[in-house]
Every structure is written in structure tokens, then in C-alpha cells.
PDB file of N, CA and C in Angstrom:
ATOM      1  N   MET A   1       8.724 -23.038 -15.400  1.00  0.00           N
ATOM      2  CA  MET A   1       7.634 -21.645 -15.302  1.00  0.00           C
ATOM      3  C   MET A   1       8.134 -20.920 -13.923  1.00  0.00           C
ATOM      4  N   SER A   2       8.327 -19.894 -13.870  1.00  0.00           N
ATOM      5  CA  SER A   2       8.314 -18.633 -12.595  1.00  0.00           C
ATOM      6  C   SER A   2       8.250 -18.710 -12.041  1.00  0.00           C
ATOM      7  N   THR A   3       8.236 -18.196 -10.461  1.00  0.00           N
ATOM      8  CA  THR A   3       7.409 -17.641  -9.509  1.00  0.00           C
ATOM      9  C   THR A   3       7.526 -16.057  -9.333  1.00  0.00           C
ATOM     10  N   SER A   4       6.990 -15.649  -8.817  1.00  0.00           N
ATOM     11  CA  SER A   4       7.116 -14.213  -7.929  1.00  0.00           C
ATOM     12  C   SER A   4       8.130 -14.417  -6.788  1.00  0.00           C
ATOM     13  N   HIS A   5       9.001 -13.208  -6.612  1.00  0.00           N
ATOM     14  CA  HIS A   5      10.484 -13.075  -6.030  1.00  0.00           C
ATOM     15  C   HIS A   5       9.183 -12.917  -4.331  1.00  0.00           C
ATOM     16  N   PHE A   6       7.596 -12.375  -4.821  1.00  0.00           N
ATOM     17  CA  PHE A   6       7.643 -12.503  -3.830  1.00  0.00           C
ATOM     18  C   PHE A   6       5.645 -12.911  -4.074  1.00  0.00           C
ATOM     19  N   LYS A   7       5.401 -13.119  -3.362  1.00  0.00           N
ATOM     20  CA  LYS A   7       3.402 -13.716  -2.248  1.00  0.00           C
ATOM     21  C   LYS A   7       2.663 -11.992  -3.458  1.00  0.00           C
ATOM     22  N   ARG A   8       2.795 -11.132  -2.486  1.00  0.00           N
ATOM     23  CA  ARG A   8       2.321  -9.699  -2.843  1.00  0.00           C
ATOM     24  C   ARG A   8       3.619  -8.679  -2.663  1.00  0.00           C
ATOM     25  N   HIS A   9       3.046  -7.761  -2.857  1.00  0.00           N
ATOM     26  CA  HIS A   9       3.840  -6.429  -2.876  1.00  0.00           C
ATOM     27  C   HIS A   9       3.336  -5.290  -3.371  1.00  0.00           C
ATOM     28  N   ILE A  10       2.771  -4.055  -1.801  1.00  0.00           N
ATOM     29  CA  ILE A  10       2.193  -2.813  -2.070  1.00  0.00           C
ATOM     30  C   ILE A  10       3.072  -2.226  -2.468  1.00  0.00           C
ATOM     31  N   PHE A  11       2.984  -1.173  -3.025  1.00  0.00           N
ATOM     32  CA  PHE A  11       3.440   0.179  -3.709  1.00  0.00           C
ATOM     33  C   PHE A  11       2.261   1.726  -3.365  1.00  0.00           C
ATOM     34  N   PHE A  12       3.167   2.509  -1.853  1.00  0.00           N
ATOM     35  CA  PHE A  12       2.393   3.648  -1.960  1.00  0.00           C
ATOM     36  C   PHE A  12       3.007   3.524  -2.883  1.00  0.00           C
ATOM     37  N   CYS A  13       2.205   5.025  -3.010  1.00  0.00           N
ATOM     38  CA  CYS A  13       1.813   6.312  -3.907  1.00  0.00           C
ATOM     39  C   CYS A  13       3.147   7.133  -2.446  1.00  0.00           C
ATOM     40  N   THR A  14       3.728   8.433  -2.770  1.00  0.00           N
ATOM     41  CA  THR A  14       4.604   9.108  -1.975  1.00  0.00           C
ATOM     42  C   THR A  14       4.454  10.472  -2.236  1.00  0.00           C
ATOM     43  N   ASN A  15       4.225  10.731  -3.656  1.00  0.00           N
ATOM     44  CA  ASN A  15       4.502  11.730  -4.520  1.00  0.00           C
ATOM     45  C   ASN A  15       4.499  12.696  -4.321  1.00  0.00           C
ATOM     46  N   ARG A  16       5.143  14.558  -4.228  1.00  0.00           N
ATOM     47  CA  ARG A  16       4.721  14.679  -3.506  1.00  0.00           C
ATOM     48  C   ARG A  16       5.008  16.190  -4.463  1.00  0.00           C
ATOM     49  N   ARG A  17       3.883  17.017  -4.479  1.00  0.00           N
ATOM     50  CA  ARG A  17       3.681  17.518  -5.759  1.00  0.00           C
ATOM     51  C   ARG A  17       3.976  19.874  -4.746  1.00  0.00           C
ATOM     52  N   ASP A  18       4.686  19.997  -5.570  1.00  0.00           N
ATOM     53  CA  ASP A  18       4.404  21.386  -4.835  1.00  0.00           C
ATOM     54  C   ASP A  18       4.191  23.053  -5.757  1.00  0.00           C
ATOM     55  N   ASP A  19       3.342  22.674  -6.602  1.00  0.00           N
ATOM     56  CA  ASP A  19       2.376  23.510  -7.031  1.00  0.00           C
ATOM     57  C   ASP A  19       1.126  23.288  -7.085  1.00  0.00           C
ATOM     58  N   GLY A  20       0.056  23.050  -5.437  1.00  0.00           N
ATOM     59  CA  GLY A  20      -0.819  23.414  -5.389  1.00  0.00           C
ATOM     60  C   GLY A  20      -2.345  21.764  -5.646  1.00  0.00           C
ATOM     61  N   ARG A  21      -1.958  21.076  -6.912  1.00  0.00           N
ATOM     62  CA  ARG A  21      -1.958  20.140  -7.028  1.00  0.00           C
ATOM     63  C   ARG A  21      -2.583  19.198  -6.104  1.00  0.00           C
ATOM     64  N   ALA A  22      -3.106  17.961  -5.815  1.00  0.00           N
ATOM     65  CA  ALA A  22      -3.797  17.108  -5.149  1.00  0.00           C
ATOM     66  C   ALA A  22      -1.998  16.170  -4.846  1.00  0.00           C
ATOM     67  N   CYS A  23      -1.551  16.031  -4.326  1.00  0.00           N
ATOM     68  CA  CYS A  23      -1.212  14.806  -4.067  1.00  0.00           C
ATOM     69  C   CYS A  23      -1.492  13.368  -2.959  1.00  0.00           C
ATOM     70  N   CYS A  24      -0.454  12.780  -2.909  1.00  0.00           N
ATOM     71  CA  CYS A  24      -0.080  11.382  -1.913  1.00  0.00           C
ATOM     72  C   CYS A  24       0.745  11.951  -0.815  1.00  0.00           C
ATOM     73  N   ALA A  25       1.763  12.759  -0.864  1.00  0.00           N
ATOM     74  CA  ALA A  25       2.553  12.804   0.482  1.00  0.00           C
ATOM     75  C   ALA A  25       1.881  13.925   1.049  1.00  0.00           C
ATOM     76  N   ALA A  26       0.651  14.826   0.762  1.00  0.00           N
ATOM     77  CA  ALA A  26      -0.159  15.771   1.468  1.00  0.00           C
ATOM     78  C   ALA A  26      -1.126  14.983   2.139  1.00  0.00           C
ATOM     79  N   ASN A  27      -1.049  13.807   1.888  1.00  0.00           N
ATOM     80  CA  ASN A  27      -2.513  13.002   2.920  1.00  0.00           C
ATOM     81  C   ASN A  27      -1.212  11.782   3.955  1.00  0.00           C
ATOM     82  N   ASP A  28      -0.113  12.001   4.498  1.00  0.00           N
ATOM     83  CA  ASP A  28       0.862  11.625   5.752  1.00  0.00           C
ATOM     84  C   ASP A  28       1.250  10.218   4.491  1.00  0.00           C
ATOM     85  N   ALA A  29       1.439   9.654   3.717  1.00  0.00           N
ATOM     86  CA  ALA A  29       1.127   9.196   2.837  1.00  0.00           C
ATOM     87  C   ALA A  29       2.866   8.139   3.425  1.00  0.00           C
ATOM     88  N   GLU A  30       4.115   8.836   3.248  1.00  0.00           N
ATOM     89  CA  GLU A  30       4.965   8.472   3.207  1.00  0.00           C
ATOM     90  C   GLU A  30       4.987   8.406   4.644  1.00  0.00           C
ATOM     91  N   ARG A  31       4.585   8.712   6.124  1.00  0.00           N
ATOM     92  CA  ARG A  31       4.341   7.677   7.614  1.00  0.00           C
ATOM     93  C   ARG A  31       3.687   6.724   7.332  1.00  0.00           C
ATOM     94  N   LEU A  32       2.417   6.905   6.759  1.00  0.00           N
ATOM     95  CA  LEU A  32       1.398   5.528   6.488  1.00  0.00           C
ATOM     96  C   LEU A  32       2.684   3.809   5.692  1.00  0.00           C
ATOM     97  N   GLN A  33       2.451   3.966   5.041  1.00  0.00           N
ATOM     98  CA  GLN A  33       3.797   2.837   4.032  1.00  0.00           C
ATOM     99  C   GLN A  33       5.094   3.030   5.053  1.00  0.00           C
ATOM    100  N   ALA A  34       5.733   3.641   5.685  1.00  0.00           N
ATOM    101  CA  ALA A  34       6.770   2.681   7.447  1.00  0.00           C
ATOM    102  C   ALA A  34       5.373   2.696   7.973  1.00  0.00           C
ATOM    103  N   HIS A  35       4.765   2.710   8.357  1.00  0.00           N
ATOM    104  CA  HIS A  35       3.911   2.266   9.717  1.00  0.00           C
ATOM    105  C   HIS A  35       3.463   0.897   8.329  1.00  0.00           C
ATOM    106  N   ALA A  36       2.418   1.040   7.456  1.00  0.00           N
ATOM    107  CA  ALA A  36       2.851  -0.817   7.224  1.00  0.00           C
ATOM    108  C   ALA A  36       4.215  -1.595   7.054  1.00  0.00           C
ATOM    109  N   LYS A  37       5.052  -1.015   6.724  1.00  0.00           N
ATOM    110  CA  LYS A  37       5.888  -2.087   6.792  1.00  0.00           C
ATOM    111  C   LYS A  37       7.187  -1.837   7.594  1.00  0.00           C
ATOM    112  N   ALA A  38       6.103  -1.687   9.046  1.00  0.00           N
ATOM    113  CA  ALA A  38       7.514  -2.034  10.193  1.00  0.00           C
ATOM    114  C   ALA A  38       6.012  -3.206  11.020  1.00  0.00           C
ATOM    115  N   ARG A  39       4.357  -2.769  10.572  1.00  0.00           N
ATOM    116  CA  ARG A  39       3.780  -4.086  10.500  1.00  0.00           C
ATOM    117  C   ARG A  39       3.950  -5.359  10.039  1.00  0.00           C
ATOM    118  N   VAL A  40       3.837  -5.250   8.751  1.00  0.00           N
ATOM    119  CA  VAL A  40       4.851  -6.284   7.811  1.00  0.00           C
ATOM    120  C   VAL A  40       6.082  -7.086   8.780  1.00  0.00           C
ATOM    121  N   LYS A  41       7.100  -6.533   8.618  1.00  0.00           N
ATOM    122  CA  LYS A  41       7.454  -7.037   9.940  1.00  0.00           C
ATOM    123  C   LYS A  41       7.931  -7.682  11.010  1.00  0.00           C
ATOM    124  N   ALA A  42       6.660  -6.772  11.587  1.00  0.00           N
ATOM    125  CA  ALA A  42       5.451  -7.615  13.079  1.00  0.00           C
ATOM    126  C   ALA A  42       5.411  -8.720  12.551  1.00  0.00           C
ATOM    127  N   LEU A  43       4.802  -9.133  12.187  1.00  0.00           N
ATOM    128  CA  LEU A  43       3.807 -10.095  11.494  1.00  0.00           C
ATOM    129  C   LEU A  43       4.516 -11.083  11.101  1.00  0.00           C
ATOM    130  N   GLY A  44       5.918 -10.899  10.316  1.00  0.00           N
ATOM    131  CA  GLY A  44       6.705 -12.001  10.254  1.00  0.00           C
ATOM    132  C   GLY A  44       5.857 -12.233   8.830  1.00  0.00           C
ATOM    133  N   LEU A  45       5.681 -11.332   8.186  1.00  0.00           N
ATOM    134  CA  LEU A  45       5.289 -11.128   6.487  1.00  0.00           C
ATOM    135  C   LEU A  45       6.389 -10.973   4.978  1.00  0.00           C
ATOM    136  N   ALA A  46       7.811 -10.429   6.164  1.00  0.00           N
ATOM    137  CA  ALA A  46       8.450 -10.073   5.184  1.00  0.00           C
ATOM    138  C   ALA A  46       9.393 -10.934   5.172  1.00  0.00           C
ATOM    139  N   GLY A  47       9.605 -10.065   3.248  1.00  0.00           N
ATOM    140  CA  GLY A  47      10.547 -11.311   3.094  1.00  0.00           C
ATOM    141  C   GLY A  47      10.621 -12.239   1.437  1.00  0.00           C
ATOM    142  N   ALA A  48      11.713 -12.944   1.139  1.00  0.00           N
ATOM    143  CA  ALA A  48      11.418 -13.610  -0.156  1.00  0.00           C
ATOM    144  C   ALA A  48      10.506 -14.835   0.466  1.00  0.00           C
ATOM    145  N   GLY A  49       9.312 -14.461  -0.415  1.00  0.00           N
ATOM    146  CA  GLY A  49       8.194 -15.555  -0.921  1.00  0.00           C
ATOM    147  C   GLY A  49       7.148 -15.263   0.028  1.00  0.00           C
ATOM    148  N   LYS A  50       6.920 -14.037   0.785  1.00  0.00           N
ATOM    149  CA  LYS A  50       6.266 -13.292   1.256  1.00  0.00           C
ATOM    150  C   LYS A  50       5.746 -11.803   0.662  1.00  0.00           C
ATOM    151  N   VAL A  51       5.836 -10.346   1.584  1.00  0.00           N
ATOM    152  CA  VAL A  51       5.400  -9.297   1.361  1.00  0.00           C
ATOM    153  C   VAL A  51       6.340  -8.826   0.790  1.00  0.00           C
ATOM    154  N   ARG A  52       6.511  -7.631  -0.207  1.00  0.00           N
ATOM    155  CA  ARG A  52       7.483  -5.940   0.479  1.00  0.00           C
ATOM    156  C   ARG A  52       6.842  -5.063   0.665  1.00  0.00           C
ATOM    157  N   VAL A  53       6.365  -4.091   0.888  1.00  0.00           N
ATOM    158  CA  VAL A  53       6.485  -2.112   1.245  1.00  0.00           C
ATOM    159  C   VAL A  53       7.288  -1.919   0.607  1.00  0.00           C
ATOM    160  N   ASN A  54       6.487  -1.258  -1.009  1.00  0.00           N
ATOM    161  CA  ASN A  54       7.280  -0.989  -0.701  1.00  0.00           C
ATOM    162  C   ASN A  54       7.251   1.381  -1.684  1.00  0.00           C
ATOM    163  N   LYS A  55       7.554   1.652  -1.508  1.00  0.00           N
ATOM    164  CA  LYS A  55       7.251   3.436  -2.249  1.00  0.00           C
ATOM    165  C   LYS A  55       7.773   3.545  -3.231  1.00  0.00           C
ATOM    166  N   ALA A  56       6.784   4.375  -3.893  1.00  0.00           N
ATOM    167  CA  ALA A  56       6.878   4.671  -5.490  1.00  0.00           C
ATOM    168  C   ALA A  56       6.802   6.292  -5.280  1.00  0.00           C
ATOM    169  N   GLY A  57       6.839   6.915  -6.885  1.00  0.00           N
ATOM    170  CA  GLY A  57       6.844   7.331  -6.817  1.00  0.00           C
ATOM    171  C   GLY A  57       5.179   7.333  -7.336  1.00  0.00           C
ATOM    172  N   CYS A  58       4.816   8.311  -8.256  1.00  0.00           N
ATOM    173  CA  CYS A  58       3.579   8.946  -8.996  1.00  0.00           C
ATOM    174  C   CYS A  58       2.669   8.105  -9.609  1.00  0.00           C
ATOM    175  N   LEU A  59       1.731   7.721  -9.135  1.00  0.00           N
ATOM    176  CA  LEU A  59       0.631   6.240  -9.538  1.00  0.00           C
ATOM    177  C   LEU A  59      -0.137   6.562 -10.497  1.00  0.00           C
ATOM    178  N   ASP A  60      -0.240   7.662 -10.677  1.00  0.00           N
ATOM    179  CA  ASP A  60      -1.199   8.686 -11.540  1.00  0.00           C
ATOM    180  C   ASP A  60      -2.983   8.286 -10.314  1.00  0.00           C
ATOM    181  N   ARG A  61      -2.786   8.305  -9.622  1.00  0.00           N
ATOM    182  CA  ARG A  61      -4.348   8.932  -8.461  1.00  0.00           C
ATOM    183  C   ARG A  61      -4.006   9.410  -7.459  1.00  0.00           C
ATOM    184  N   CYS A  62      -3.732  10.177  -7.002  1.00  0.00           N
ATOM    185  CA  CYS A  62      -3.034  11.189  -6.772  1.00  0.00           C
ATOM    186  C   CYS A  62      -4.435  11.875  -6.073  1.00  0.00           C
ATOM    187  N   GLU A  63      -5.090  11.872  -7.051  1.00  0.00           N
ATOM    188  CA  GLU A  63      -6.528  12.747  -6.856  1.00  0.00           C
ATOM    189  C   GLU A  63      -7.532  11.857  -6.214  1.00  0.00           C
ATOM    190  N   LEU A  64      -7.494  10.564  -5.634  1.00  0.00           N
ATOM    191  CA  LEU A  64      -7.967  10.485  -4.390  1.00  0.00           C
ATOM    192  C   LEU A  64      -6.943   9.239  -3.362  1.00  0.00           C
ATOM    193  N   GLY A  65      -6.750   9.837  -3.304  1.00  0.00           N
ATOM    194  CA  GLY A  65      -5.340   9.964  -2.722  1.00  0.00           C
ATOM    195  C   GLY A  65      -5.624   9.988  -0.669  1.00  0.00           C
ATOM    196  N   PRO A  66      -4.613   9.551  -0.443  1.00  0.00           N
ATOM    197  CA  PRO A  66      -3.654   8.365  -0.384  1.00  0.00           C
ATOM    198  C   PRO A  66      -3.382   7.497  -0.735  1.00  0.00           C
ATOM    199  N   VAL A  67      -3.105   7.074  -2.137  1.00  0.00           N
ATOM    200  CA  VAL A  67      -3.338   5.794  -2.314  1.00  0.00           C
ATOM    201  C   VAL A  67      -2.163   4.404  -2.714  1.00  0.00           C
ATOM    202  N   ALA A  68      -2.251   2.859  -3.050  1.00  0.00           N
ATOM    203  CA  ALA A  68      -1.386   2.008  -2.850  1.00  0.00           C
ATOM    204  C   ALA A  68      -2.102   0.879  -3.532  1.00  0.00           C
ATOM    205  N   VAL A  69      -1.485   0.040  -4.153  1.00  0.00           N
ATOM    206  CA  VAL A  69      -1.994  -0.397  -4.395  1.00  0.00           C
ATOM    207  C   VAL A  69      -0.945  -2.415  -5.005  1.00  0.00           C
ATOM    208  N   VAL A  70      -2.067  -3.134  -4.526  1.00  0.00           N
ATOM    209  CA  VAL A  70      -1.550  -4.645  -4.048  1.00  0.00           C
ATOM    210  C   VAL A  70      -1.682  -5.320  -5.358  1.00  0.00           C
ATOM    211  N   TYR A  71      -0.012  -5.741  -6.019  1.00  0.00           N
ATOM    212  CA  TYR A  71      -0.035  -7.034  -7.223  1.00  0.00           C
ATOM    213  C   TYR A  71       0.666  -8.549  -6.382  1.00  0.00           C
ATOM    214  N   PRO A  72       0.047  -9.144  -6.981  1.00  0.00           N
ATOM    215  CA  PRO A  72      -0.371  -9.069  -8.284  1.00  0.00           C
ATOM    216  C   PRO A  72      -1.446  -8.944  -7.685  1.00  0.00           C
ATOM    217  N   ASP A  73      -2.570  -9.109  -7.038  1.00  0.00           N
ATOM    218  CA  ASP A  73      -3.692  -8.831  -7.480  1.00  0.00           C
ATOM    219  C   ASP A  73      -4.341  -7.914  -8.151  1.00  0.00           C
ATOM    220  N   ALA A  74      -3.699  -5.986  -8.513  1.00  0.00           N
ATOM    221  CA  ALA A  74      -4.175  -4.960  -9.308  1.00  0.00           C
ATOM    222  C   ALA A  74      -5.459  -5.004  -8.318  1.00  0.00           C
ATOM    223  N   VAL A  75      -5.142  -5.125  -6.688  1.00  0.00           N
ATOM    224  CA  VAL A  75      -5.992  -3.850  -5.803  1.00  0.00           C
ATOM    225  C   VAL A  75      -5.228  -2.542  -5.739  1.00  0.00           C
ATOM    226  N   TRP A  76      -6.505  -1.842  -5.739  1.00  0.00           N
ATOM    227  CA  TRP A  76      -6.123  -0.273  -5.335  1.00  0.00           C
ATOM    228  C   TRP A  76      -6.887   0.538  -4.399  1.00  0.00           C
ATOM    229  N   TYR A  77      -5.951   0.472  -3.228  1.00  0.00           N
ATOM    230  CA  TYR A  77      -6.629   1.289  -2.074  1.00  0.00           C
ATOM    231  C   TYR A  77      -6.224   3.151  -2.147  1.00  0.00           C
ATOM    232  N   THR A  78      -7.719   3.582  -1.160  1.00  0.00           N
ATOM    233  CA  THR A  78      -7.395   4.524  -0.232  1.00  0.00           C
ATOM    234  C   THR A  78      -6.881   4.400   0.846  1.00  0.00           C
ATOM    235  N   PHE A  79      -6.661   5.245   1.648  1.00  0.00           N
ATOM    236  CA  PHE A  79      -6.623   4.263   3.307  1.00  0.00           C
ATOM    237  C   PHE A  79      -6.153   6.335   4.197  1.00  0.00           C
ATOM    238  N   VAL A  80      -6.650   6.433   5.160  1.00  0.00           N
ATOM    239  CA  VAL A  80      -6.282   7.961   5.577  1.00  0.00           C
ATOM    240  C   VAL A  80      -6.065   7.510   7.286  1.00  0.00           C
ATOM    241  N   ASP A  81      -5.533   6.220   7.653  1.00  0.00           N
ATOM    242  CA  ASP A  81      -5.209   6.405   9.245  1.00  0.00           C
ATOM    243  C   ASP A  81      -4.403   4.537   9.224  1.00  0.00           C
ATOM    244  N   GLU A  82      -3.677   4.837  10.743  1.00  0.00           N
ATOM    245  CA  GLU A  82      -3.397   3.497  11.083  1.00  0.00           C
ATOM    246  C   GLU A  82      -4.422   2.285  10.558  1.00  0.00           C
ATOM    247  N   HIS A  83      -4.988   2.920  11.207  1.00  0.00           N
ATOM    248  CA  HIS A  83      -6.457   1.290  11.333  1.00  0.00           C
ATOM    249  C   HIS A  83      -6.153   0.296   9.942  1.00  0.00           C
ATOM    250  N   ASP A  84      -7.589   1.379   9.454  1.00  0.00           N
ATOM    251  CA  ASP A  84      -6.765   1.124   7.940  1.00  0.00           C
ATOM    252  C   ASP A  84      -5.336   0.623   7.450  1.00  0.00           C
ATOM    253  N   ILE A  85      -4.345   1.031   7.467  1.00  0.00           N
ATOM    254  CA  ILE A  85      -3.793   0.087   7.210  1.00  0.00           C
ATOM    255  C   ILE A  85      -2.970  -0.995   7.668  1.00  0.00           C
ATOM    256  N   ASP A  86      -3.564  -1.357   9.437  1.00  0.00           N
ATOM    257  CA  ASP A  86      -3.685  -2.611   9.819  1.00  0.00           C
ATOM    258  C   ASP A  86      -4.869  -3.344   8.751  1.00  0.00           C
ATOM    259  N   GLU A  87      -6.069  -2.985   8.797  1.00  0.00           N
ATOM    260  CA  GLU A  87      -6.689  -3.534   8.571  1.00  0.00           C
ATOM    261  C   GLU A  87      -5.738  -4.144   6.578  1.00  0.00           C
ATOM    262  N   ILE A  88      -5.279  -3.317   5.924  1.00  0.00           N
ATOM    263  CA  ILE A  88      -5.233  -3.781   4.488  1.00  0.00           C
ATOM    264  C   ILE A  88      -3.702  -5.001   5.052  1.00  0.00           C
ATOM    265  N   VAL A  89      -3.136  -4.562   6.034  1.00  0.00           N
ATOM    266  CA  VAL A  89      -2.089  -5.668   6.371  1.00  0.00           C
ATOM    267  C   VAL A  89      -2.712  -7.318   6.393  1.00  0.00           C
ATOM    268  N   ASP A  90      -3.836  -7.031   7.133  1.00  0.00           N
ATOM    269  CA  ASP A  90      -4.622  -8.177   8.176  1.00  0.00           C
ATOM    270  C   ASP A  90      -5.365  -9.377   7.047  1.00  0.00           C
ATOM    271  N   SER A  91      -5.907  -8.020   6.434  1.00  0.00           N
ATOM    272  CA  SER A  91      -6.253  -8.791   5.683  1.00  0.00           C
ATOM    273  C   SER A  91      -6.202  -9.475   4.431  1.00  0.00           C
ATOM    274  N   HIS A  92      -5.511  -8.756   3.819  1.00  0.00           N
ATOM    275  CA  HIS A  92      -5.090  -8.652   2.428  1.00  0.00           C
ATOM    276  C   HIS A  92      -4.059  -8.900   2.328  1.00  0.00           C
ATOM    277  N   LEU A  93      -2.694  -8.618   3.055  1.00  0.00           N
ATOM    278  CA  LEU A  93      -1.007  -8.801   2.998  1.00  0.00           C
ATOM    279  C   LEU A  93      -1.046 -10.341   3.172  1.00  0.00           C
ATOM    280  N   ARG A  94      -1.631 -10.857   3.997  1.00  0.00           N
ATOM    281  CA  ARG A  94      -1.826 -11.742   4.966  1.00  0.00           C
ATOM    282  C   ARG A  94      -2.911 -12.759   5.294  1.00  0.00           C
ATOM    283  N   ASP A  95      -3.847 -12.878   5.229  1.00  0.00           N
ATOM    284  CA  ASP A  95      -5.397 -13.145   4.217  1.00  0.00           C
ATOM    285  C   ASP A  95      -5.875 -13.791   3.338  1.00  0.00           C
ATOM    286  N   GLY A  96      -4.621 -12.659   2.527  1.00  0.00           N
ATOM    287  CA  GLY A  96      -5.947 -12.574   1.419  1.00  0.00           C
ATOM    288  C   GLY A  96      -6.180 -11.995   0.605  1.00  0.00           C
ATOM    289  N   CYS A  97      -6.958 -11.373   1.816  1.00  0.00           N
ATOM    290  CA  CYS A  97      -9.220 -11.042   1.252  1.00  0.00           C
ATOM    291  C   CYS A  97      -8.823  -9.480   1.342  1.00  0.00           C
ATOM    292  N   PRO A  98      -9.562  -8.475   0.139  1.00  0.00           N
ATOM    293  CA  PRO A  98      -9.080  -7.852  -0.364  1.00  0.00           C
ATOM    294  C   PRO A  98     -10.010  -6.776   0.833  1.00  0.00           C
ATOM    295  N   VAL A  99      -9.428  -5.567   0.856  1.00  0.00           N
ATOM    296  CA  VAL A  99     -10.445  -4.928   1.818  1.00  0.00           C
ATOM    297  C   VAL A  99     -11.513  -4.013   0.913  1.00  0.00           C
ATOM    298  N   GLU A 100     -13.021  -4.643   0.971  1.00  0.00           N
ATOM    299  CA  GLU A 100     -13.117  -3.606   0.084  1.00  0.00           C
ATOM    300  C   GLU A 100     -13.318  -2.462   0.397  1.00  0.00           C
ATOM    301  N   ARG A 101     -14.229  -2.035   2.034  1.00  0.00           N
ATOM    302  CA  ARG A 101     -14.075  -0.430   1.467  1.00  0.00           C
ATOM    303  C   ARG A 101     -13.398   0.292   1.236  1.00  0.00           C
ATOM    304  N   LEU A 102     -11.585  -0.938   1.067  1.00  0.00           N
ATOM    305  CA  LEU A 102     -11.220   0.559   1.069  1.00  0.00           C
ATOM    306  C   LEU A 102     -10.600   1.327  -0.196  1.00  0.00           C
ATOM    307  N   LYS A 103     -11.186  -0.146  -1.097  1.00  0.00           N
ATOM    308  CA  LYS A 103     -10.679  -0.043  -2.742  1.00  0.00           C
ATOM    309  C   LYS A 103     -11.386   0.957  -3.305  1.00  0.00           C
ATOM    310  N   LEU A 104     -10.954   1.250  -4.426  1.00  0.00           N
ATOM    311  CA  LEU A 104     -10.372   2.192  -5.671  1.00  0.00           C
ATOM    312  C   LEU A 104     -11.161   1.078  -6.414  1.00  0.00           C
ATOM    313  N   GLU A 105     -12.177   1.777  -7.078  1.00  0.00           N
ATOM    314  CA  GLU A 105     -12.453   1.400  -8.777  1.00  0.00           C
ATOM    315  C   GLU A 105     -12.010   1.823  -9.676  1.00  0.00           C
TER     316      GLU A 105
END
């Protein structure tokens, strides 16, 4: 039986649309993804067997954005600032407890 290379993997939609439709990039998704990546590294959570933070293209939920999804837990989030990102990193990525107030259904 093989195991996943990462315990948790978070993907941030950084999709940019130029046609006026909602997009995560217009809601600071790239900056907040970079914040999450730096926080994960600072807490010593990055690397094999731990956590990976990635940019993704469109995750098809931009109208709810910005959005991110954590696998293998399949938990979808929205967020607005660094405080939200810190809560996701600390509670879910580090401690394994999803942040209910930021979850998308």
C-alpha cells in the first residue's frame, strides 16, 4: 500500500479572468497563497510527509472566491485576509481540524 507524498495538500485558485466575470486573482488570491506558503515554511510544516502549498488554475468556484481546497480531506475554503489564512494553516494544516467558519459547501 502506498501513502501520499504529502499529508495535506492545499491548492489556491489563482485564476484571472479579463472578461469581467468573478475570479480569485481579483480577490488577492496570489498574495494570500504566498502568505500561506511562507507560514507553512515558518512553522516547519513544509516538505515530504507534511504539507504542500500550491497555486492552481481555475477550480471552477470563482464566484465564491477566493477559494482553496485541502486534500486529501476535500475541504473547500474561502478567505479574505492573512488572519483567515493563518487560521487555516494553524487549525487545519497543522492540527487537522477544519475551520468551520471558512468552509464552503
